[in-house]
């Protein structure tokens, strides 16, 4: 840790260093993956996103991913979700996330 920042809270340290929280970075990654799924980048992997596992139990990780992302996806402005490319989406998403969460 940087010694001059010992007395600062986590949020203050992030702000001082110009970083975003782990929670926001994780959400950003999930929203980028959702964008790629919707644009067809993961056609093969995305086919099983809503299917049951072999032993007839839901794959919990997939369920939590889709549930958590859908709520945040629906909160994004239309110009973010309608981005024509991944790079444009990332730029617009960063702007939207600065006001969100």
PDB file of N, CA and C in Angstrom:
ATOM      1  N   UNK A   1       0.830  -1.169   0.000  1.00  0.00           N
ATOM      2  CA  UNK A   1       0.000   0.000   0.000  1.00  0.00           C
ATOM      3  C   UNK A   1       0.886   1.247   0.000  1.00  0.00           C
ATOM      4  N   UNK A   2       0.380   2.276  -0.594  1.00  0.00           N
ATOM      5  CA  UNK A   2       1.101   3.550  -0.622  1.00  0.00           C
ATOM      6  C   UNK A   2       0.946   4.193   0.753  1.00  0.00           C
ATOM      7  N   UNK A   3       2.068   4.500   1.390  1.00  0.00           N
ATOM      8  CA  UNK A   3       2.038   4.954   2.785  1.00  0.00           C
ATOM      9  C   UNK A   3       1.228   6.231   2.986  1.00  0.00           C
ATOM     10  N   UNK A   4       1.234   7.125   2.055  1.00  0.00           N
ATOM     11  CA  UNK A   4       0.493   8.377   2.242  1.00  0.00           C
ATOM     12  C   UNK A   4      -1.022   8.186   2.144  1.00  0.00           C
ATOM     13  N   UNK A   5      -1.461   6.992   1.772  1.00  0.00           N
ATOM     14  CA  UNK A   5      -2.896   6.728   1.630  1.00  0.00           C
ATOM     15  C   UNK A   5      -3.447   5.807   2.711  1.00  0.00           C
ATOM     16  N   UNK A   6      -2.638   5.466   3.694  1.00  0.00           N
ATOM     17  CA  UNK A   6      -3.074   4.547   4.741  1.00  0.00           C
ATOM     18  C   UNK A   6      -4.338   5.001   5.449  1.00  0.00           C
ATOM     19  N   UNK A   7      -4.457   6.278   5.672  1.00  0.00           N
ATOM     20  CA  UNK A   7      -5.591   6.814   6.425  1.00  0.00           C
ATOM     21  C   UNK A   7      -6.866   6.950   5.588  1.00  0.00           C
ATOM     22  N   UNK A   8      -6.761   6.798   4.275  1.00  0.00           N
ATOM     23  CA  UNK A   8      -7.915   6.971   3.395  1.00  0.00           C
ATOM     24  C   UNK A   8      -8.767   5.707   3.336  1.00  0.00           C
ATOM     25  N   UNK A   9     -10.058   5.885   3.114  1.00  0.00           N
ATOM     26  CA  UNK A   9     -10.951   4.740   2.929  1.00  0.00           C
ATOM     27  C   UNK A   9     -10.717   4.143   1.540  1.00  0.00           C
ATOM     28  N   UNK A  10     -11.296   2.974   1.311  1.00  0.00           N
ATOM     29  CA  UNK A  10     -11.171   2.292   0.021  1.00  0.00           C
ATOM     30  C   UNK A  10     -11.645   3.195  -1.114  1.00  0.00           C
ATOM     31  N   UNK A  11     -12.808   3.798  -0.932  1.00  0.00           N
ATOM     32  CA  UNK A  11     -13.366   4.667  -1.968  1.00  0.00           C
ATOM     33  C   UNK A  11     -12.481   5.875  -2.230  1.00  0.00           C
ATOM     34  N   UNK A  12     -11.933   6.447  -1.160  1.00  0.00           N
ATOM     35  CA  UNK A  12     -11.053   7.611  -1.323  1.00  0.00           C
ATOM     36  C   UNK A  12      -9.751   7.231  -2.031  1.00  0.00           C
ATOM     37  N   UNK A  13      -9.211   6.053  -1.709  1.00  0.00           N
ATOM     38  CA  UNK A  13      -7.999   5.584  -2.397  1.00  0.00           C
ATOM     39  C   UNK A  13      -8.255   5.387  -3.887  1.00  0.00           C
ATOM     40  N   UNK A  14      -9.401   4.764  -4.209  1.00  0.00           N
ATOM     41  CA  UNK A  14      -9.737   4.560  -5.619  1.00  0.00           C
ATOM     42  C   UNK A  14      -9.841   5.899  -6.349  1.00  0.00           C
ATOM     43  N   UNK A  15     -10.529   6.836  -5.724  1.00  0.00           N
ATOM     44  CA  UNK A  15     -10.712   8.153  -6.331  1.00  0.00           C
ATOM     45  C   UNK A  15      -9.351   8.835  -6.536  1.00  0.00           C
ATOM     46  N   UNK A  16      -8.495   8.772  -5.514  1.00  0.00           N
ATOM     47  CA  UNK A  16      -7.161   9.381  -5.570  1.00  0.00           C
ATOM     48  C   UNK A  16      -6.313   8.790  -6.701  1.00  0.00           C
ATOM     49  N   UNK A  17      -6.446   7.477  -6.914  1.00  0.00           N
ATOM     50  CA  UNK A  17      -5.657   6.789  -7.939  1.00  0.00           C
ATOM     51  C   UNK A  17      -6.338   6.754  -9.309  1.00  0.00           C
ATOM     52  N   UNK A  18      -7.552   7.262  -9.385  1.00  0.00           N
ATOM     53  CA  UNK A  18      -8.273   7.276 -10.655  1.00  0.00           C
ATOM     54  C   UNK A  18      -8.743   5.903 -11.088  1.00  0.00           C
ATOM     55  N   UNK A  19      -9.061   5.036 -10.116  1.00  0.00           N
ATOM     56  CA  UNK A  19      -9.510   3.676 -10.412  1.00  0.00           C
ATOM     57  C   UNK A  19     -10.989   3.511 -10.098  1.00  0.00           C
ATOM     58  N   UNK A  20     -11.571   2.442 -10.634  1.00  0.00           N
ATOM     59  CA  UNK A  20     -12.958   2.121 -10.297  1.00  0.00           C
ATOM     60  C   UNK A  20     -12.976   0.890  -9.396  1.00  0.00           C
ATOM     61  N   UNK A  21     -14.056   0.716  -8.681  1.00  0.00           N
ATOM     62  CA  UNK A  21     -14.146  -0.384  -7.716  1.00  0.00           C
ATOM     63  C   UNK A  21     -14.191  -1.737  -8.411  1.00  0.00           C
ATOM     64  N   UNK A  22     -13.844  -2.758  -7.656  1.00  0.00           N
ATOM     65  CA  UNK A  22     -13.901  -4.122  -8.173  1.00  0.00           C
ATOM     66  C   UNK A  22     -15.324  -4.471  -8.602  1.00  0.00           C
ATOM     67  N   UNK A  23     -16.295  -4.044  -7.833  1.00  0.00           N
ATOM     68  CA  UNK A  23     -17.699  -4.314  -8.164  1.00  0.00           C
ATOM     69  C   UNK A  23     -18.071  -3.720  -9.524  1.00  0.00           C
ATOM     70  N   UNK A  24     -17.642  -2.482  -9.765  1.00  0.00           N
ATOM     71  CA  UNK A  24     -17.955  -1.831 -11.037  1.00  0.00           C
ATOM     72  C   UNK A  24     -17.178  -2.464 -12.187  1.00  0.00           C
ATOM     73  N   UNK A  25     -15.925  -2.888 -11.944  1.00  0.00           N
ATOM     74  CA  UNK A  25     -15.148  -3.567 -12.996  1.00  0.00           C
ATOM     75  C   UNK A  25     -15.780  -4.894 -13.363  1.00  0.00           C
ATOM     76  N   UNK A  26     -16.269  -5.623 -12.361  1.00  0.00           N
ATOM     77  CA  UNK A  26     -16.928  -6.910 -12.611  1.00  0.00           C
ATOM     78  C   UNK A  26     -18.212  -6.683 -13.417  1.00  0.00           C
ATOM     79  N   UNK A  27     -19.006  -5.704 -13.025  1.00  0.00           N
ATOM     80  CA  UNK A  27     -20.239  -5.389 -13.746  1.00  0.00           C
ATOM     81  C   UNK A  27     -19.924  -4.991 -15.187  1.00  0.00           C
ATOM     82  N   UNK A  28     -18.889  -4.179 -15.377  1.00  0.00           N
ATOM     83  CA  UNK A  28     -18.501  -3.753 -16.723  1.00  0.00           C
ATOM     84  C   UNK A  28     -18.161  -4.969 -17.582  1.00  0.00           C
ATOM     85  N   UNK A  29     -17.400  -5.906 -17.022  1.00  0.00           N
ATOM     86  CA  UNK A  29     -17.040  -7.114 -17.761  1.00  0.00           C
ATOM     87  C   UNK A  29     -18.254  -7.947 -18.117  1.00  0.00           C
ATOM     88  N   UNK A  30     -19.188  -8.068 -17.192  1.00  0.00           N
ATOM     89  CA  UNK A  30     -20.404  -8.836 -17.463  1.00  0.00           C
ATOM     90  C   UNK A  30     -21.254  -8.171 -18.536  1.00  0.00           C
ATOM     91  N   UNK A  31     -21.356  -6.853 -18.497  1.00  0.00           N
ATOM     92  CA  UNK A  31     -22.145  -6.149 -19.515  1.00  0.00           C
ATOM     93  C   UNK A  31     -21.483  -6.246 -20.889  1.00  0.00           C
ATOM     94  N   UNK A  32     -20.167  -6.222 -20.939  1.00  0.00           N
ATOM     95  CA  UNK A  32     -19.459  -6.397 -22.212  1.00  0.00           C
ATOM     96  C   UNK A  32     -19.712  -7.797 -22.757  1.00  0.00           C
ATOM     97  N   UNK A  33     -19.669  -8.801 -21.896  1.00  0.00           N
ATOM     98  CA  UNK A  33     -19.952 -10.171 -22.340  1.00  0.00           C
ATOM     99  C   UNK A  33     -21.387 -10.286 -22.842  1.00  0.00           C
ATOM    100  N   UNK A  34     -22.337  -9.642 -22.159  1.00  0.00           N
ATOM    101  CA  UNK A  34     -23.739  -9.667 -22.594  1.00  0.00           C
ATOM    102  C   UNK A  34     -23.881  -9.024 -23.968  1.00  0.00           C
ATOM    103  N   UNK A  35     -23.198  -7.905 -24.179  1.00  0.00           N
ATOM    104  CA  UNK A  35     -23.237  -7.236 -25.480  1.00  0.00           C
ATOM    105  C   UNK A  35     -22.718  -8.168 -26.568  1.00  0.00           C
ATOM    106  N   UNK A  36     -21.616  -8.856 -26.277  1.00  0.00           N
ATOM    107  CA  UNK A  36     -21.038  -9.762 -27.260  1.00  0.00           C
ATOM    108  C   UNK A  36     -21.969 -10.941 -27.542  1.00  0.00           C
ATOM    109  N   UNK A  37     -22.624 -11.468 -26.511  1.00  0.00           N
ATOM    110  CA  UNK A  37     -23.609 -12.543 -26.726  1.00  0.00           C
ATOM    111  C   UNK A  37     -24.721 -12.065 -27.645  1.00  0.00           C
ATOM    112  N   UNK A  38     -25.237 -10.877 -27.351  1.00  0.00           N
ATOM    113  CA  UNK A  38     -26.360 -10.355 -28.138  1.00  0.00           C
ATOM    114  C   UNK A  38     -25.975 -10.041 -29.574  1.00  0.00           C
ATOM    115  N   UNK A  39     -24.733  -9.668 -29.791  1.00  0.00           N
ATOM    116  CA  UNK A  39     -24.266  -9.369 -31.145  1.00  0.00           C
ATOM    117  C   UNK A  39     -23.792 -10.614 -31.885  1.00  0.00           C
ATOM    118  N   UNK A  40     -23.819 -11.774 -31.217  1.00  0.00           N
ATOM    119  CA  UNK A  40     -23.482 -13.020 -31.889  1.00  0.00           C
ATOM    120  C   UNK A  40     -22.031 -13.432 -31.828  1.00  0.00           C
ATOM    121  N   UNK A  41     -21.230 -12.787 -30.991  1.00  0.00           N
ATOM    122  CA  UNK A  41     -19.811 -13.135 -30.911  1.00  0.00           C
ATOM    123  C   UNK A  41     -19.584 -14.508 -30.302  1.00  0.00           C
ATOM    124  N   UNK A  42     -20.515 -14.960 -29.460  1.00  0.00           N
ATOM    125  CA  UNK A  42     -20.370 -16.238 -28.779  1.00  0.00           C
ATOM    126  C   UNK A  42     -21.468 -17.202 -29.191  1.00  0.00           C
ATOM    127  N   UNK A  43     -21.739 -17.319 -30.461  1.00  0.00           N
ATOM    128  CA  UNK A  43     -22.837 -18.168 -30.913  1.00  0.00           C
ATOM    129  C   UNK A  43     -22.760 -19.580 -30.331  1.00  0.00           C
ATOM    130  N   UNK A  44     -21.624 -20.206 -30.413  1.00  0.00           N
ATOM    131  CA  UNK A  44     -21.486 -21.582 -29.934  1.00  0.00           C
ATOM    132  C   UNK A  44     -21.674 -21.661 -28.419  1.00  0.00           C
ATOM    133  N   UNK A  45     -20.998 -20.814 -27.678  1.00  0.00           N
ATOM    134  CA  UNK A  45     -21.095 -20.839 -26.212  1.00  0.00           C
ATOM    135  C   UNK A  45     -22.459 -20.350 -25.743  1.00  0.00           C
ATOM    136  N   UNK A  46     -23.045 -19.416 -26.443  1.00  0.00           N
ATOM    137  CA  UNK A  46     -24.318 -18.849 -26.036  1.00  0.00           C
ATOM    138  C   UNK A  46     -25.511 -19.755 -26.252  1.00  0.00           C
ATOM    139  N   UNK A  47     -25.351 -20.794 -27.069  1.00  0.00           N
ATOM    140  CA  UNK A  47     -26.468 -21.699 -27.335  1.00  0.00           C
ATOM    141  C   UNK A  47     -26.953 -22.374 -26.065  1.00  0.00           C
ATOM    142  N   UNK A  48     -26.056 -22.686 -25.148  1.00  0.00           N
ATOM    143  CA  UNK A  48     -26.437 -23.380 -23.924  1.00  0.00           C
ATOM    144  C   UNK A  48     -26.654 -22.466 -22.743  1.00  0.00           C
ATOM    145  N   UNK A  49     -26.781 -21.184 -22.967  1.00  0.00           N
ATOM    146  CA  UNK A  49     -26.884 -20.240 -21.865  1.00  0.00           C
ATOM    147  C   UNK A  49     -28.115 -20.476 -20.997  1.00  0.00           C
ATOM    148  N   UNK A  50     -29.199 -20.936 -21.576  1.00  0.00           N
ATOM    149  CA  UNK A  50     -30.427 -21.124 -20.820  1.00  0.00           C
ATOM    150  C   UNK A  50     -30.867 -22.584 -20.747  1.00  0.00           C
ATOM    151  N   UNK A  51     -29.969 -23.517 -21.007  1.00  0.00           N
ATOM    152  CA  UNK A  51     -30.342 -24.930 -20.983  1.00  0.00           C
ATOM    153  C   UNK A  51     -30.030 -25.556 -19.634  1.00  0.00           C
ATOM    154  N   UNK A  52     -30.576 -26.743 -19.405  1.00  0.00           N
ATOM    155  CA  UNK A  52     -30.328 -27.466 -18.159  1.00  0.00           C
ATOM    156  C   UNK A  52     -29.053 -28.290 -18.272  1.00  0.00           C
ATOM    157  N   UNK A  53     -28.410 -28.495 -17.143  1.00  0.00           N
ATOM    158  CA  UNK A  53     -27.205 -29.322 -17.106  1.00  0.00           C
ATOM    159  C   UNK A  53     -27.594 -30.781 -17.304  1.00  0.00           C
ATOM    160  N   UNK A  54     -26.629 -31.644 -17.549  1.00  0.00           N
ATOM    161  CA  UNK A  54     -26.887 -33.056 -17.825  1.00  0.00           C
ATOM    162  C   UNK A  54     -27.657 -33.756 -16.716  1.00  0.00           C
ATOM    163  N   UNK A  55     -27.375 -33.448 -15.482  1.00  0.00           N
ATOM    164  CA  UNK A  55     -28.057 -34.121 -14.380  1.00  0.00           C
ATOM    165  C   UNK A  55     -29.388 -33.436 -14.031  1.00  0.00           C
ATOM    166  N   UNK A  56     -29.947 -32.704 -14.984  1.00  0.00           N
ATOM    167  CA  UNK A  56     -31.250 -32.051 -14.882  1.00  0.00           C
ATOM    168  C   UNK A  56     -31.302 -30.965 -13.799  1.00  0.00           C
ATOM    169  N   UNK A  57     -30.170 -30.437 -13.437  1.00  0.00           N
ATOM    170  CA  UNK A  57     -30.130 -29.309 -12.514  1.00  0.00           C
ATOM    171  C   UNK A  57     -29.663 -28.093 -13.282  1.00  0.00           C
ATOM    172  N   UNK A  58     -30.165 -26.938 -12.915  1.00  0.00           N
ATOM    173  CA  UNK A  58     -29.733 -25.721 -13.580  1.00  0.00           C
ATOM    174  C   UNK A  58     -28.277 -25.432 -13.252  1.00  0.00           C
ATOM    175  N   UNK A  59     -27.556 -24.932 -14.221  1.00  0.00           N
ATOM    176  CA  UNK A  59     -26.195 -24.486 -13.964  1.00  0.00           C
ATOM    177  C   UNK A  59     -26.311 -23.125 -13.281  1.00  0.00           C
ATOM    178  N   UNK A  60     -26.072 -23.089 -11.997  1.00  0.00           N
ATOM    179  CA  UNK A  60     -26.309 -21.901 -11.184  1.00  0.00           C
ATOM    180  C   UNK A  60     -25.502 -20.700 -11.670  1.00  0.00           C
ATOM    181  N   UNK A  61     -24.255 -20.919 -12.066  1.00  0.00           N
ATOM    182  CA  UNK A  61     -23.437 -19.790 -12.516  1.00  0.00           C
ATOM    183  C   UNK A  61     -24.090 -19.073 -13.689  1.00  0.00           C
ATOM    184  N   UNK A  62     -24.617 -19.824 -14.628  1.00  0.00           N
ATOM    185  CA  UNK A  62     -25.246 -19.208 -15.791  1.00  0.00           C
ATOM    186  C   UNK A  62     -26.505 -18.460 -15.386  1.00  0.00           C
ATOM    187  N   UNK A  63     -27.261 -19.017 -14.476  1.00  0.00           N
ATOM    188  CA  UNK A  63     -28.490 -18.369 -14.040  1.00  0.00           C
ATOM    189  C   UNK A  63     -28.184 -17.045 -13.337  1.00  0.00           C
ATOM    190  N   UNK A  64     -27.203 -17.042 -12.434  1.00  0.00           N
ATOM    191  CA  UNK A  64     -26.865 -15.813 -11.736  1.00  0.00           C
ATOM    192  C   UNK A  64     -26.321 -14.766 -12.691  1.00  0.00           C
ATOM    193  N   UNK A  65     -25.521 -15.181 -13.653  1.00  0.00           N
ATOM    194  CA  UNK A  65     -24.979 -14.225 -14.608  1.00  0.00           C
ATOM    195  C   UNK A  65     -26.107 -13.521 -15.349  1.00  0.00           C
ATOM    196  N   UNK A  66     -27.028 -14.295 -15.895  1.00  0.00           N
ATOM    197  CA  UNK A  66     -28.092 -13.680 -16.687  1.00  0.00           C
ATOM    198  C   UNK A  66     -29.023 -12.840 -15.819  1.00  0.00           C
ATOM    199  N   UNK A  67     -29.332 -13.301 -14.622  1.00  0.00           N
ATOM    200  CA  UNK A  67     -30.224 -12.543 -13.742  1.00  0.00           C
ATOM    201  C   UNK A  67     -29.601 -11.216 -13.348  1.00  0.00           C
ATOM    202  N   UNK A  68     -28.356 -11.245 -12.923  1.00  0.00           N
ATOM    203  CA  UNK A  68     -27.691 -10.023 -12.486  1.00  0.00           C
ATOM    204  C   UNK A  68     -27.454  -9.035 -13.603  1.00  0.00           C
ATOM    205  N   UNK A  69     -27.105  -9.536 -14.764  1.00  0.00           N
ATOM    206  CA  UNK A  69     -26.790  -8.651 -15.882  1.00  0.00           C
ATOM    207  C   UNK A  69     -28.048  -8.020 -16.471  1.00  0.00           C
ATOM    208  N   UNK A  70     -29.129  -8.770 -16.546  1.00  0.00           N
ATOM    209  CA  UNK A  70     -30.357  -8.246 -17.152  1.00  0.00           C
ATOM    210  C   UNK A  70     -30.847  -7.005 -16.413  1.00  0.00           C
ATOM    211  N   UNK A  71     -30.790  -7.042 -15.099  1.00  0.00           N
ATOM    212  CA  UNK A  71     -31.253  -5.896 -14.302  1.00  0.00           C
ATOM    213  C   UNK A  71     -30.443  -4.646 -14.648  1.00  0.00           C
ATOM    214  N   UNK A  72     -29.116  -4.774 -14.716  1.00  0.00           N
ATOM    215  CA  UNK A  72     -28.267  -3.622 -15.046  1.00  0.00           C
ATOM    216  C   UNK A  72     -28.371  -3.253 -16.521  1.00  0.00           C
ATOM    217  N   UNK A  73     -28.500  -4.250 -17.381  1.00  0.00           N
ATOM    218  CA  UNK A  73     -28.635  -3.992 -18.822  1.00  0.00           C
ATOM    219  C   UNK A  73     -29.867  -3.120 -19.082  1.00  0.00           C
ATOM    220  N   UNK A  74     -30.960  -3.429 -18.421  1.00  0.00           N
ATOM    221  CA  UNK A  74     -32.193  -2.680 -18.625  1.00  0.00           C
ATOM    222  C   UNK A  74     -32.113  -1.250 -18.113  1.00  0.00           C
ATOM    223  N   UNK A  75     -31.149  -0.965 -17.258  1.00  0.00           N
ATOM    224  CA  UNK A  75     -30.968   0.389 -16.737  1.00  0.00           C
ATOM    225  C   UNK A  75     -30.092   1.248 -17.648  1.00  0.00           C
ATOM    226  N   UNK A  76     -29.419   0.620 -18.609  1.00  0.00           N
ATOM    227  CA  UNK A  76     -28.532   1.369 -19.499  1.00  0.00           C
ATOM    228  C   UNK A  76     -29.329   2.201 -20.493  1.00  0.00           C
ATOM    229  N   UNK A  77     -28.817   3.374 -20.867  1.00  0.00           N
ATOM    230  CA  UNK A  77     -29.479   4.200 -21.893  1.00  0.00           C
ATOM    231  C   UNK A  77     -29.502   3.478 -23.243  1.00  0.00           C
ATOM    232  N   UNK A  78     -30.474   3.792 -24.042  1.00  0.00           N
ATOM    233  CA  UNK A  78     -30.649   3.154 -25.351  1.00  0.00           C
ATOM    234  C   UNK A  78     -29.404   3.304 -26.237  1.00  0.00           C
ATOM    235  N   UNK A  79     -28.758   4.473 -26.204  1.00  0.00           N
ATOM    236  CA  UNK A  79     -27.593   4.671 -27.075  1.00  0.00           C
ATOM    237  C   UNK A  79     -26.419   3.760 -26.687  1.00  0.00           C
ATOM    238  N   UNK A  80     -26.386   3.292 -25.455  1.00  0.00           N
ATOM    239  CA  UNK A  80     -25.332   2.362 -25.043  1.00  0.00           C
ATOM    240  C   UNK A  80     -25.617   0.977 -25.612  1.00  0.00           C
ATOM    241  N   UNK A  81     -26.801   0.452 -25.386  1.00  0.00           N
ATOM    242  CA  UNK A  81     -27.120  -0.908 -25.828  1.00  0.00           C
ATOM    243  C   UNK A  81     -27.243  -1.016 -27.347  1.00  0.00           C
ATOM    244  N   UNK A  82     -27.482   0.095 -28.019  1.00  0.00           N
ATOM    245  CA  UNK A  82     -27.614   0.079 -29.471  1.00  0.00           C
ATOM    246  C   UNK A  82     -26.300   0.414 -30.180  1.00  0.00           C
ATOM    247  N   UNK A  83     -25.202   0.354 -29.456  1.00  0.00           N
ATOM    248  CA  UNK A  83     -23.896   0.686 -30.042  1.00  0.00           C
ATOM    249  C   UNK A  83     -23.605  -0.227 -31.239  1.00  0.00           C
ATOM    250  N   UNK A  84     -23.010   0.324 -32.287  1.00  0.00           N
ATOM    251  CA  UNK A  84     -22.757  -0.468 -33.490  1.00  0.00           C
ATOM    252  C   UNK A  84     -21.569  -1.423 -33.384  1.00  0.00           C
ATOM    253  N   UNK A  85     -20.687  -1.192 -32.419  1.00  0.00           N
ATOM    254  CA  UNK A  85     -19.509  -2.054 -32.288  1.00  0.00           C
ATOM    255  C   UNK A  85     -19.129  -2.186 -30.818  1.00  0.00           C
ATOM    256  N   UNK A  86     -18.260  -3.131 -30.540  1.00  0.00           N
ATOM    257  CA  UNK A  86     -17.814  -3.362 -29.172  1.00  0.00           C
ATOM    258  C   UNK A  86     -17.043  -2.161 -28.631  1.00  0.00           C
ATOM    259  N   UNK A  87     -16.193  -1.582 -29.449  1.00  0.00           N
ATOM    260  CA  UNK A  87     -15.400  -0.426 -28.992  1.00  0.00           C
ATOM    261  C   UNK A  87     -16.297   0.763 -28.645  1.00  0.00           C
ATOM    262  N   UNK A  88     -17.291   1.022 -29.473  1.00  0.00           N
ATOM    263  CA  UNK A  88     -18.233   2.111 -29.201  1.00  0.00           C
ATOM    264  C   UNK A  88     -19.024   1.788 -27.940  1.00  0.00           C
ATOM    265  N   UNK A  89     -19.434   0.530 -27.795  1.00  0.00           N
ATOM    266  CA  UNK A  89     -20.170   0.106 -26.605  1.00  0.00           C
ATOM    267  C   UNK A  89     -19.354   0.362 -25.343  1.00  0.00           C
ATOM    268  N   UNK A  90     -18.071   0.007 -25.356  1.00  0.00           N
ATOM    269  CA  UNK A  90     -17.221   0.195 -24.178  1.00  0.00           C
ATOM    270  C   UNK A  90     -17.118   1.664 -23.784  1.00  0.00           C
ATOM    271  N   UNK A  91     -16.939   2.531 -24.758  1.00  0.00           N
ATOM    272  CA  UNK A  91     -16.830   3.969 -24.476  1.00  0.00           C
ATOM    273  C   UNK A  91     -18.139   4.487 -23.883  1.00  0.00           C
ATOM    274  N   UNK A  92     -19.250   4.122 -24.507  1.00  0.00           N
ATOM    275  CA  UNK A  92     -20.555   4.570 -24.006  1.00  0.00           C
ATOM    276  C   UNK A  92     -20.879   3.954 -22.651  1.00  0.00           C
ATOM    277  N   UNK A  93     -20.495   2.710 -22.453  1.00  0.00           N
ATOM    278  CA  UNK A  93     -20.725   2.034 -21.178  1.00  0.00           C
ATOM    279  C   UNK A  93     -19.950   2.722 -20.060  1.00  0.00           C
ATOM    280  N   UNK A  94     -18.718   3.067 -20.312  1.00  0.00           N
ATOM    281  CA  UNK A  94     -17.922   3.750 -19.289  1.00  0.00           C
ATOM    282  C   UNK A  94     -18.577   5.066 -18.875  1.00  0.00           C
ATOM    283  N   UNK A  95     -19.125   5.778 -19.836  1.00  0.00           N
ATOM    284  CA  UNK A  95     -19.844   7.016 -19.513  1.00  0.00           C
ATOM    285  C   UNK A  95     -21.078   6.748 -18.674  1.00  0.00           C
ATOM    286  N   UNK A  96     -21.813   5.711 -19.027  1.00  0.00           N
ATOM    287  CA  UNK A  96     -23.034   5.369 -18.293  1.00  0.00           C
ATOM    288  C   UNK A  96     -22.709   4.857 -16.890  1.00  0.00           C
ATOM    289  N   UNK A  97     -21.652   4.072 -16.756  1.00  0.00           N
ATOM    290  CA  UNK A  97     -21.278   3.524 -15.448  1.00  0.00           C
ATOM    291  C   UNK A  97     -20.769   4.594 -14.494  1.00  0.00           C
ATOM    292  N   UNK A  98     -20.240   5.663 -15.033  1.00  0.00           N
ATOM    293  CA  UNK A  98     -19.779   6.739 -14.151  1.00  0.00           C
ATOM    294  C   UNK A  98     -20.971   7.373 -13.416  1.00  0.00           C
ATOM    295  N   UNK A  99     -22.158   7.274 -13.999  1.00  0.00           N
ATOM    296  CA  UNK A  99     -23.368   7.821 -13.365  1.00  0.00           C
ATOM    297  C   UNK A  99     -24.171   6.754 -12.622  1.00  0.00           C
ATOM    298  N   UNK A 100     -23.839   5.487 -12.886  1.00  0.00           N
ATOM    299  CA  UNK A 100     -24.575   4.345 -12.328  1.00  0.00           C
ATOM    300  C   UNK A 100     -23.781   3.721 -11.193  1.00  0.00           C
ATOM    301  N   UNK A 101     -24.398   2.895 -10.425  1.00  0.00           N
ATOM    302  CA  UNK A 101     -23.797   2.098  -9.339  1.00  0.00           C
ATOM    303  C   UNK A 101     -23.094   2.945  -8.304  1.00  0.00           C
TER     304      UNK A 101
END
